[in-house]
């Protein structure tokens, strides 16, 4: 259903608002970071490694057996939890570990840019925000798919409304668009009682912690990524002197 909604809306935008779709698609091929060559590639790899390290540390803290998997570099929620007895809260904790760690690394990169005025670090922060936002898509092979069962229906309602407002207020963020498209069917199925209330397997505190943190991460990463992406071309040109 989510994929169908993505295809339907992208087709509509391609015919009705091609300029909006073109601007949103620019996040898939940023044309400023190549100015930094190999340093940009190393920076991206380092961020992905830290993201996966967060999953590893959370699994070790919970005493779960670790399995190595190249997605993209090692520990992943699916690889760690696939053969475990299902526990909605533990699934959510493992799912949060990577995006939270990745978001913190993006904050560190932004702070380095703030003190050095080197837009390279802002670019790394921007890429980190987009990547960690993408992993929050509620699909089972992504971290968002392991978090989603712990999110309460009312949180889906308010979170989706705020996400749509963010989507139309601060430029067309294509990554946030994907997250919303896959979240809408989940909310509809819950609303029509076609999907089980898996969040009831958590305590009330756990349910609200998961719900609030999930959408705070989505909205915070989406807003930060959009703002930084708009500023990067100017900052890179100024830094390169042309």
C-alpha atoms as a PDB file:
ATOM      1  CA  UNK A   1       0.000   0.000   0.000  1.00  0.00           C
ATOM      2  CA  UNK A   2       2.826   2.354   0.870  1.00  0.00           C
ATOM      3  CA  UNK A   3       4.655   1.653  -2.382  1.00  0.00           C
ATOM      4  CA  UNK A   4       1.459   2.117  -4.329  1.00  0.00           C
ATOM      5  CA  UNK A   5       0.897   5.491  -2.664  1.00  0.00           C
ATOM      6  CA  UNK A   6       4.462   6.541  -3.478  1.00  0.00           C
ATOM      7  CA  UNK A   7       4.052   5.632  -7.161  1.00  0.00           C
ATOM      8  CA  UNK A   8       0.617   7.299  -7.396  1.00  0.00           C
ATOM      9  CA  UNK A   9       1.745  10.580  -5.822  1.00  0.00           C
ATOM     10  CA  UNK A  10       5.042  10.698  -7.710  1.00  0.00           C
ATOM     11  CA  UNK A  11       3.139  10.199 -10.975  1.00  0.00           C
ATOM     12  CA  UNK A  12       0.748  12.994 -10.039  1.00  0.00           C
ATOM     13  CA  UNK A  13       3.628  15.331  -9.166  1.00  0.00           C
ATOM     14  CA  UNK A  14       5.484  14.465 -12.388  1.00  0.00           C
ATOM     15  CA  UNK A  15       2.516  15.715 -14.436  1.00  0.00           C
ATOM     16  CA  UNK A  16       1.032  18.416 -12.192  1.00  0.00           C
ATOM     17  CA  UNK A  17       4.076  19.869 -10.387  1.00  0.00           C
ATOM     18  CA  UNK A  18       7.281  18.706 -12.136  1.00  0.00           C
ATOM     19  CA  UNK A  19       9.295  21.600 -10.714  1.00  0.00           C
ATOM     20  CA  UNK A  20       8.414  20.511  -7.172  1.00  0.00           C
ATOM     21  CA  UNK A  21       9.449  16.936  -7.888  1.00  0.00           C
ATOM     22  CA  UNK A  22      12.696  18.097  -9.504  1.00  0.00           C
ATOM     23  CA  UNK A  23      13.647  20.218  -6.506  1.00  0.00           C
ATOM     24  CA  UNK A  24      12.846  17.375  -4.134  1.00  0.00           C
ATOM     25  CA  UNK A  25      14.872  14.869  -6.139  1.00  0.00           C
ATOM     26  CA  UNK A  26      18.027  16.987  -5.806  1.00  0.00           C
ATOM     27  CA  UNK A  27      18.670  15.395  -2.407  1.00  0.00           C
ATOM     28  CA  UNK A  28      19.397  12.127  -4.241  1.00  0.00           C
ATOM     29  CA  UNK A  29      22.339  13.634  -6.121  1.00  0.00           C
ATOM     30  CA  UNK A  30      23.857  16.614  -4.261  1.00  0.00           C
ATOM     31  CA  UNK A  31      26.192  18.512  -6.582  1.00  0.00           C
ATOM     32  CA  UNK A  32      28.233  20.385  -3.961  1.00  0.00           C
ATOM     33  CA  UNK A  33      29.948  17.620  -1.989  1.00  0.00           C
ATOM     34  CA  UNK A  34      32.028  16.377  -4.984  1.00  0.00           C
ATOM     35  CA  UNK A  35      34.058  19.552  -4.478  1.00  0.00           C
ATOM     36  CA  UNK A  36      35.610  17.812  -1.459  1.00  0.00           C
ATOM     37  CA  UNK A  37      36.496  14.598  -3.283  1.00  0.00           C
ATOM     38  CA  UNK A  38      37.545  11.583  -1.234  1.00  0.00           C
ATOM     39  CA  UNK A  39      36.967  13.417   2.059  1.00  0.00           C
ATOM     40  CA  UNK A  40      33.222  13.431   1.370  1.00  0.00           C
ATOM     41  CA  UNK A  41      33.215   9.658   0.742  1.00  0.00           C
ATOM     42  CA  UNK A  42      35.168   9.010   3.952  1.00  0.00           C
ATOM     43  CA  UNK A  43      32.823  11.266   5.919  1.00  0.00           C
ATOM     44  CA  UNK A  44      29.761   9.414   4.658  1.00  0.00           C
ATOM     45  CA  UNK A  45      31.264   6.014   5.488  1.00  0.00           C
ATOM     46  CA  UNK A  46      32.210   7.155   8.997  1.00  0.00           C
ATOM     47  CA  UNK A  47      28.641   8.305   9.661  1.00  0.00           C
ATOM     48  CA  UNK A  48      27.189   5.010   8.472  1.00  0.00           C
ATOM     49  CA  UNK A  49      29.614   3.096  10.693  1.00  0.00           C
ATOM     50  CA  UNK A  50      28.588   5.142  13.732  1.00  0.00           C
ATOM     51  CA  UNK A  51      24.938   4.526  12.891  1.00  0.00           C
ATOM     52  CA  UNK A  52      25.523   0.765  12.850  1.00  0.00           C
ATOM     53  CA  UNK A  53      27.692   0.966  15.981  1.00  0.00           C
ATOM     54  CA  UNK A  54      24.687   2.348  17.857  1.00  0.00           C
ATOM     55  CA  UNK A  55      22.724  -0.790  16.963  1.00  0.00           C
ATOM     56  CA  UNK A  56      25.619  -2.982  18.097  1.00  0.00           C
ATOM     57  CA  UNK A  57      25.927  -1.216  21.441  1.00  0.00           C
ATOM     58  CA  UNK A  58      22.181  -1.424  22.093  1.00  0.00           C
ATOM     59  CA  UNK A  59      22.173  -5.144  21.281  1.00  0.00           C
ATOM     60  CA  UNK A  60      25.117  -5.757  23.599  1.00  0.00           C
ATOM     61  CA  UNK A  61      23.431  -3.748  26.368  1.00  0.00           C
ATOM     62  CA  UNK A  62      20.297  -5.879  25.996  1.00  0.00           C
ATOM     63  CA  UNK A  63      22.339  -9.082  25.908  1.00  0.00           C
ATOM     64  CA  UNK A  64      21.211 -10.079  22.412  1.00  0.00           C
ATOM     65  CA  UNK A  65      23.410 -12.322  20.231  1.00  0.00           C
ATOM     66  CA  UNK A  66      25.073 -10.321  17.474  1.00  0.00           C
ATOM     67  CA  UNK A  67      25.158 -11.327  13.827  1.00  0.00           C
ATOM     68  CA  UNK A  68      27.243  -9.650  11.160  1.00  0.00           C
ATOM     69  CA  UNK A  69      25.475  -8.481   8.053  1.00  0.00           C
ATOM     70  CA  UNK A  70      26.474  -6.095   5.284  1.00  0.00           C
ATOM     71  CA  UNK A  71      23.575  -3.650   5.492  1.00  0.00           C
ATOM     72  CA  UNK A  72      25.175  -1.331   4.903  1.00  0.00           C
ATOM     73  CA  UNK A  73      28.244  -2.231   6.969  1.00  0.00           C
ATOM     74  CA  UNK A  74      27.294  -4.575   9.787  1.00  0.00           C
ATOM     75  CA  UNK A  75      24.831  -4.634  12.661  1.00  0.00           C
ATOM     76  CA  UNK A  76      21.249  -4.051  11.642  1.00  0.00           C
ATOM     77  CA  UNK A  77      17.977  -4.448  13.502  1.00  0.00           C
ATOM     78  CA  UNK A  78      16.769  -7.149  11.127  1.00  0.00           C
ATOM     79  CA  UNK A  79      19.975  -9.169  11.460  1.00  0.00           C
ATOM     80  CA  UNK A  80      19.956  -8.983  15.265  1.00  0.00           C
ATOM     81  CA  UNK A  81      16.269  -9.593  15.934  1.00  0.00           C
ATOM     82  CA  UNK A  82      15.255 -11.979  13.164  1.00  0.00           C
ATOM     83  CA  UNK A  83      15.578 -15.159  15.247  1.00  0.00           C
ATOM     84  CA  UNK A  84      14.638 -13.642  18.601  1.00  0.00           C
ATOM     85  CA  UNK A  85      11.290 -14.097  20.407  1.00  0.00           C
ATOM     86  CA  UNK A  86       9.341 -10.978  19.484  1.00  0.00           C
ATOM     87  CA  UNK A  87       9.168  -8.270  22.119  1.00  0.00           C
ATOM     88  CA  UNK A  88       7.733  -4.989  20.879  1.00  0.00           C
ATOM     89  CA  UNK A  89       9.689  -2.812  23.304  1.00  0.00           C
ATOM     90  CA  UNK A  90      13.042  -4.519  22.673  1.00  0.00           C
ATOM     91  CA  UNK A  91      12.404  -4.283  18.928  1.00  0.00           C
ATOM     92  CA  UNK A  92      11.817  -0.551  19.325  1.00  0.00           C
ATOM     93  CA  UNK A  93      14.951  -0.003  21.445  1.00  0.00           C
ATOM     94  CA  UNK A  94      17.120  -1.747  18.855  1.00  0.00           C
ATOM     95  CA  UNK A  95      15.370   0.199  16.116  1.00  0.00           C
ATOM     96  CA  UNK A  96      15.992   3.540  17.820  1.00  0.00           C
ATOM     97  CA  UNK A  97      19.669   2.865  18.522  1.00  0.00           C
ATOM     98  CA  UNK A  98      20.994   3.500  15.006  1.00  0.00           C
ATOM     99  CA  UNK A  99      18.961   6.627  14.127  1.00  0.00           C
ATOM    100  CA  UNK A 100      19.579   8.209  17.545  1.00  0.00           C
ATOM    101  CA  UNK A 101      23.317   7.581  17.310  1.00  0.00           C
ATOM    102  CA  UNK A 102      23.360   8.848  13.738  1.00  0.00           C
ATOM    103  CA  UNK A 103      21.387  11.957  14.694  1.00  0.00           C
ATOM    104  CA  UNK A 104      23.876  12.718  17.476  1.00  0.00           C
ATOM    105  CA  UNK A 105      26.769  12.431  15.004  1.00  0.00           C
ATOM    106  CA  UNK A 106      24.944  14.853  12.703  1.00  0.00           C
ATOM    107  CA  UNK A 107      24.631  17.291  15.610  1.00  0.00           C
ATOM    108  CA  UNK A 108      28.370  16.972  16.286  1.00  0.00           C
ATOM    109  CA  UNK A 109      29.128  17.702  12.615  1.00  0.00           C
ATOM    110  CA  UNK A 110      26.846  20.755  12.714  1.00  0.00           C
ATOM    111  CA  UNK A 111      28.624  22.020  15.845  1.00  0.00           C
ATOM    112  CA  UNK A 112      32.014  21.583  14.167  1.00  0.00           C
ATOM    113  CA  UNK A 113      30.722  23.635  11.234  1.00  0.00           C
ATOM    114  CA  UNK A 114      29.451  26.280  13.661  1.00  0.00           C
ATOM    115  CA  UNK A 115      32.907  26.716  15.203  1.00  0.00           C
ATOM    116  CA  UNK A 116      35.001  26.311  12.039  1.00  0.00           C
ATOM    117  CA  UNK A 117      32.756  27.772   9.275  1.00  0.00           C
ATOM    118  CA  UNK A 118      33.801  24.848   7.068  1.00  0.00           C
ATOM    119  CA  UNK A 119      30.697  23.833   5.059  1.00  0.00           C
ATOM    120  CA  UNK A 120      32.121  20.323   4.596  1.00  0.00           C
ATOM    121  CA  UNK A 121      30.928  19.455   8.103  1.00  0.00           C
ATOM    122  CA  UNK A 122      27.510  20.968   7.441  1.00  0.00           C
ATOM    123  CA  UNK A 123      27.305  18.777   4.343  1.00  0.00           C
ATOM    124  CA  UNK A 124      28.145  15.709   6.414  1.00  0.00           C
ATOM    125  CA  UNK A 125      25.490  16.694   8.931  1.00  0.00           C
ATOM    126  CA  UNK A 126      22.952  17.165   6.128  1.00  0.00           C
ATOM    127  CA  UNK A 127      23.677  13.731   4.636  1.00  0.00           C
ATOM    128  CA  UNK A 128      23.450  12.160   8.080  1.00  0.00           C
ATOM    129  CA  UNK A 129      20.040  13.728   8.635  1.00  0.00           C
ATOM    130  CA  UNK A 130      18.707  12.466   5.308  1.00  0.00           C
ATOM    131  CA  UNK A 131      20.099   8.973   5.835  1.00  0.00           C
ATOM    132  CA  UNK A 132      18.814   8.582   9.394  1.00  0.00           C
ATOM    133  CA  UNK A 133      15.434   9.958   8.352  1.00  0.00           C
ATOM    134  CA  UNK A 134      15.261   7.346   5.592  1.00  0.00           C
ATOM    135  CA  UNK A 135      15.951   4.537   8.081  1.00  0.00           C
ATOM    136  CA  UNK A 136      12.893   5.658  10.081  1.00  0.00           C
ATOM    137  CA  UNK A 137      10.562   4.658   7.228  1.00  0.00           C
ATOM    138  CA  UNK A 138       8.149   2.106   8.763  1.00  0.00           C
ATOM    139  CA  UNK A 139       9.350  -0.834   6.665  1.00  0.00           C
ATOM    140  CA  UNK A 140      10.510  -4.002   8.407  1.00  0.00           C
ATOM    141  CA  UNK A 141      14.009  -4.065   6.892  1.00  0.00           C
ATOM    142  CA  UNK A 142      14.575  -0.515   8.140  1.00  0.00           C
ATOM    143  CA  UNK A 143      14.787   0.623  11.741  1.00  0.00           C
ATOM    144  CA  UNK A 144      11.431   2.368  11.451  1.00  0.00           C
ATOM    145  CA  UNK A 145       9.778  -0.986  10.849  1.00  0.00           C
ATOM    146  CA  UNK A 146      10.970  -2.220  14.246  1.00  0.00           C
ATOM    147  CA  UNK A 147       9.881   0.965  16.017  1.00  0.00           C
ATOM    148  CA  UNK A 148       6.435   1.317  14.420  1.00  0.00           C
ATOM    149  CA  UNK A 149       4.687  -1.525  16.354  1.00  0.00           C
ATOM    150  CA  UNK A 150       5.340   0.355  19.612  1.00  0.00           C
ATOM    151  CA  UNK A 151       3.775   3.621  18.368  1.00  0.00           C
ATOM    152  CA  UNK A 152       0.245   4.413  19.579  1.00  0.00           C
ATOM    153  CA  UNK A 153      -2.501   5.160  16.989  1.00  0.00           C
ATOM    154  CA  UNK A 154      -3.114   8.668  18.307  1.00  0.00           C
ATOM    155  CA  UNK A 155       0.598   9.396  17.868  1.00  0.00           C
ATOM    156  CA  UNK A 156       0.353   8.276  14.234  1.00  0.00           C
ATOM    157  CA  UNK A 157      -2.461  10.773  13.718  1.00  0.00           C
ATOM    158  CA  UNK A 158      -0.684  13.800  15.202  1.00  0.00           C
ATOM    159  CA  UNK A 159       2.714  12.742  13.862  1.00  0.00           C
ATOM    160  CA  UNK A 160       1.428  12.386  10.304  1.00  0.00           C
ATOM    161  CA  UNK A 161      -0.364  15.738  10.446  1.00  0.00           C
ATOM    162  CA  UNK A 162       2.817  17.458  11.648  1.00  0.00           C
ATOM    163  CA  UNK A 163       4.882  15.613   9.056  1.00  0.00           C
ATOM    164  CA  UNK A 164       2.615  16.759   6.225  1.00  0.00           C
ATOM    165  CA  UNK A 165       2.803  20.335   7.532  1.00  0.00           C
ATOM    166  CA  UNK A 166       6.602  20.066   7.570  1.00  0.00           C
ATOM    167  CA  UNK A 167       6.544  18.609   4.061  1.00  0.00           C
ATOM    168  CA  UNK A 168       4.623  21.539   2.590  1.00  0.00           C
ATOM    169  CA  UNK A 169       6.165  24.297   4.719  1.00  0.00           C
ATOM    170  CA  UNK A 170       9.930  23.925   4.277  1.00  0.00           C
ATOM    171  CA  UNK A 171      10.412  22.681   0.730  1.00  0.00           C
ATOM    172  CA  UNK A 172       9.625  19.292  -0.744  1.00  0.00           C
ATOM    173  CA  UNK A 173      11.722  16.824   1.242  1.00  0.00           C
ATOM    174  CA  UNK A 174      11.602  13.655  -0.844  1.00  0.00           C
ATOM    175  CA  UNK A 175      12.864  11.455   2.008  1.00  0.00           C
ATOM    176  CA  UNK A 176      10.154  12.708   4.367  1.00  0.00           C
ATOM    177  CA  UNK A 177       7.679  12.119   1.534  1.00  0.00           C
ATOM    178  CA  UNK A 178       8.655   8.419   1.471  1.00  0.00           C
ATOM    179  CA  UNK A 179       8.327   8.150   5.253  1.00  0.00           C
ATOM    180  CA  UNK A 180       4.845   9.675   5.170  1.00  0.00           C
ATOM    181  CA  UNK A 181       3.680   7.499   2.260  1.00  0.00           C
ATOM    182  CA  UNK A 182       4.585   4.309   4.095  1.00  0.00           C
ATOM    183  CA  UNK A 183       3.207   5.562   7.422  1.00  0.00           C
ATOM    184  CA  UNK A 184      -0.248   6.503   6.096  1.00  0.00           C
ATOM    185  CA  UNK A 185      -1.352   2.905   5.279  1.00  0.00           C
ATOM    186  CA  UNK A 186      -0.208   1.715   8.711  1.00  0.00           C
ATOM    187  CA  UNK A 187      -2.351   4.375  10.383  1.00  0.00           C
ATOM    188  CA  UNK A 188      -5.360   3.590   8.165  1.00  0.00           C
ATOM    189  CA  UNK A 189      -5.130  -0.129   8.965  1.00  0.00           C
ATOM    190  CA  UNK A 190      -4.967   0.651  12.686  1.00  0.00           C
ATOM    191  CA  UNK A 191      -7.901   3.053  12.378  1.00  0.00           C
ATOM    192  CA  UNK A 192     -10.039   0.439  10.612  1.00  0.00           C
ATOM    193  CA  UNK A 193      -8.955  -2.289  13.054  1.00  0.00           C
ATOM    194  CA  UNK A 194      -7.390  -4.231  10.178  1.00  0.00           C
ATOM    195  CA  UNK A 195      -4.034  -4.342  11.990  1.00  0.00           C
ATOM    196  CA  UNK A 196      -3.437  -5.510  15.585  1.00  0.00           C
ATOM    197  CA  UNK A 197      -2.695  -3.006  18.339  1.00  0.00           C
ATOM    198  CA  UNK A 198       0.858  -4.230  18.916  1.00  0.00           C
ATOM    199  CA  UNK A 199       1.624  -1.125  20.966  1.00  0.00           C
ATOM    200  CA  UNK A 200      -0.564  -2.590  23.742  1.00  0.00           C
ATOM    201  CA  UNK A 201       2.223  -5.100  24.377  1.00  0.00           C
ATOM    202  CA  UNK A 202       4.228  -2.204  25.823  1.00  0.00           C
ATOM    203  CA  UNK A 203       3.587  -0.400  29.070  1.00  0.00           C
ATOM    204  CA  UNK A 204       1.921   2.989  28.789  1.00  0.00           C
ATOM    205  CA  UNK A 205       5.234   4.732  29.496  1.00  0.00           C
ATOM    206  CA  UNK A 206       7.069   2.672  26.885  1.00  0.00           C
ATOM    207  CA  UNK A 207       4.322   3.325  24.343  1.00  0.00           C
ATOM    208  CA  UNK A 208       4.519   7.092  24.762  1.00  0.00           C
ATOM    209  CA  UNK A 209       8.305   7.204  24.881  1.00  0.00           C
ATOM    210  CA  UNK A 210       8.431   5.304  21.580  1.00  0.00           C
ATOM    211  CA  UNK A 211       5.661   7.426  20.026  1.00  0.00           C
ATOM    212  CA  UNK A 212       7.107  10.797  20.978  1.00  0.00           C
ATOM    213  CA  UNK A 213      10.731   9.928  20.222  1.00  0.00           C
ATOM    214  CA  UNK A 214       9.820   8.463  16.834  1.00  0.00           C
ATOM    215  CA  UNK A 215       8.109  11.574  15.538  1.00  0.00           C
ATOM    216  CA  UNK A 216      10.523  13.976  17.240  1.00  0.00           C
ATOM    217  CA  UNK A 217      13.308  12.239  15.317  1.00  0.00           C
ATOM    218  CA  UNK A 218      11.360  12.317  12.044  1.00  0.00           C
ATOM    219  CA  UNK A 219      10.379  15.979  12.307  1.00  0.00           C
ATOM    220  CA  UNK A 220      13.738  17.118  13.689  1.00  0.00           C
ATOM    221  CA  UNK A 221      15.773  15.302  11.047  1.00  0.00           C
ATOM    222  CA  UNK A 222      13.462  16.420   8.224  1.00  0.00           C
ATOM    223  CA  UNK A 223      13.562  20.091   9.256  1.00  0.00           C
ATOM    224  CA  UNK A 224      17.323  20.086   9.809  1.00  0.00           C
ATOM    225  CA  UNK A 225      18.057  18.296   6.532  1.00  0.00           C
ATOM    226  CA  UNK A 226      15.876  20.678   4.516  1.00  0.00           C
ATOM    227  CA  UNK A 227      17.367  23.811   6.088  1.00  0.00           C
ATOM    228  CA  UNK A 228      20.962  22.648   5.662  1.00  0.00           C
ATOM    229  CA  UNK A 229      20.364  21.480   2.093  1.00  0.00           C
ATOM    230  CA  UNK A 230      19.115  24.946   1.152  1.00  0.00           C
ATOM    231  CA  UNK A 231      22.167  26.671   2.670  1.00  0.00           C
ATOM    232  CA  UNK A 232      24.871  24.299   1.397  1.00  0.00           C
ATOM    233  CA  UNK A 233      25.292  25.543  -2.219  1.00  0.00           C
ATOM    234  CA  UNK A 234      25.926  29.132  -1.103  1.00  0.00           C
ATOM    235  CA  UNK A 235      28.269  28.109   1.710  1.00  0.00           C
ATOM    236  CA  UNK A 236      30.303  25.760  -0.490  1.00  0.00           C
ATOM    237  CA  UNK A 237      30.708  28.444  -3.195  1.00  0.00           C
ATOM    238  CA  UNK A 238      31.834  30.975  -0.617  1.00  0.00           C
ATOM    239  CA  UNK A 239      34.281  28.497   0.913  1.00  0.00           C
ATOM    240  CA  UNK A 240      35.746  27.528  -2.475  1.00  0.00           C
ATOM    241  CA  UNK A 241      36.017  31.130  -3.570  1.00  0.00           C
ATOM    242  CA  UNK A 242      33.936  30.741  -6.733  1.00  0.00           C
END
